[in-house]
Amino acid sequence: MAIVYLPYKLRHFSMGSNVIDVNGKNLKELINNLENLFPGIKLELVENNKLKPGLSAVIDGRTTRLGLIHKLKEDSEVHFLPAIAGG
């Protein structure tokens, strides 16, 4: 199972837990499985079949450029992070 780290903003879905074990062959399947566990969380993560604007997924220490089709290993670590902007 992949280890998913939820940002503070999404922890209310998981009763405050910031780390969740979830199955998924790719990021899309993982998010769908998260939705099964925590109804409503997908709306916070996905828009128009893409990660929501302003949200990044860091998988095994690297920001994904493949989006929802990014393949996961059984022991992948997935972090959902709000994008940081400024100047």
Protein backbone atom coordinates (compact mmCIF):
# COMPACT_ATOMS: atom_id res chain seq x y z
CA MET A 1 0.00 0.00 0.00
CA ALA A 2 1.12 3.52 -0.69
CA ILE A 3 1.53 5.89 2.22
CA VAL A 4 -0.46 9.10 1.71
CA TYR A 5 0.35 12.27 3.65
CA LEU A 6 -2.58 14.67 3.84
CA PRO A 7 -2.10 18.42 4.24
CA TYR A 8 -3.75 20.07 7.21
CA LYS A 9 -6.62 21.36 5.06
CA LEU A 10 -7.74 17.80 4.22
CA ARG A 11 -7.29 16.10 7.59
CA HIS A 12 -10.90 16.64 8.62
CA PHE A 13 -11.79 13.89 6.11
CA SER A 14 -9.60 11.40 8.00
CA MET A 15 -10.62 12.43 11.53
CA GLY A 16 -7.37 14.38 11.90
CA SER A 17 -4.98 11.68 10.73
CA ASN A 18 -2.24 12.97 8.45
CA VAL A 19 -0.95 9.58 7.25
CA ILE A 20 -3.16 7.02 5.49
CA ASP A 21 -2.28 3.68 3.83
CA VAL A 22 -4.08 3.37 0.48
CA ASN A 23 -3.88 0.98 -2.48
CA GLY A 24 -3.47 2.28 -6.01
CA LYS A 25 -1.57 1.35 -9.17
CA ASN A 26 -1.51 4.99 -10.23
CA LEU A 27 -2.44 8.34 -8.70
CA LYS A 28 -5.97 8.27 -10.16
CA GLU A 29 -6.73 4.86 -8.62
CA LEU A 30 -5.24 5.97 -5.31
CA ILE A 31 -7.47 9.08 -5.24
CA ASN A 32 -10.52 6.96 -6.12
CA ASN A 33 -9.67 4.64 -3.22
CA LEU A 34 -9.26 7.66 -0.94
CA GLU A 35 -12.72 8.78 -2.04
CA ASN A 36 -14.14 5.38 -1.08
CA LEU A 37 -12.59 5.75 2.38
CA PHE A 38 -13.37 9.45 2.82
CA PRO A 39 -16.31 10.59 0.66
CA GLY A 40 -15.84 14.12 -0.63
CA ILE A 41 -12.04 14.20 -0.57
CA LYS A 42 -11.78 13.72 -4.34
CA LEU A 43 -13.49 17.07 -4.91
CA GLU A 44 -10.60 18.69 -3.04
CA LEU A 45 -7.97 16.89 -5.13
CA VAL A 46 -9.31 16.59 -8.68
CA GLU A 47 -10.93 18.95 -11.16
CA ASN A 48 -11.65 18.12 -14.81
CA ASN A 49 -9.74 14.82 -14.56
CA LYS A 50 -6.57 16.61 -13.40
CA LEU A 51 -5.08 17.56 -10.07
CA LYS A 52 -6.76 20.75 -8.93
CA PRO A 53 -4.96 23.96 -9.81
CA GLY A 54 -2.87 25.08 -6.87
CA LEU A 55 -2.24 21.50 -5.72
CA SER A 56 0.86 19.40 -6.27
CA ALA A 57 1.44 15.70 -5.77
CA VAL A 58 4.91 14.71 -4.64
CA ILE A 59 5.53 11.01 -5.17
CA ASP A 60 8.61 9.39 -3.70
CA GLY A 61 10.21 12.80 -3.23
CA ARG A 62 9.55 14.14 -6.74
CA THR A 63 6.77 16.39 -7.96
CA THR A 64 4.79 14.50 -10.58
CA ARG A 65 4.59 15.88 -14.08
CA LEU A 66 2.38 12.97 -15.19
CA GLY A 67 -0.55 13.90 -12.98
CA LEU A 68 -3.16 11.21 -12.40
CA ILE A 69 -1.46 8.63 -14.65
CA HIS A 70 1.70 8.62 -12.53
CA LYS A 71 2.37 4.96 -11.64
CA LEU A 72 2.89 4.07 -8.00
CA LYS A 73 5.02 1.41 -6.39
CA GLU A 74 3.57 -0.64 -3.58
CA ASP A 75 5.63 1.34 -1.06
CA SER A 76 5.32 4.79 -2.64
CA GLU A 77 4.97 7.88 -0.49
CA VAL A 78 2.45 10.40 -1.78
CA HIS A 79 2.22 13.95 -0.47
CA PHE A 80 -0.53 16.32 -1.54
CA LEU A 81 0.76 19.85 -1.12
CA PRO A 82 -0.76 23.24 -1.79
CA ALA A 83 1.25 25.13 -4.37
CA ILE A 84 3.22 28.04 -3.00
CA ALA A 85 3.29 31.24 -4.98
CA GLY A 86 4.77 34.59 -4.36
CA GLY A 87 7.50 36.87 -5.37
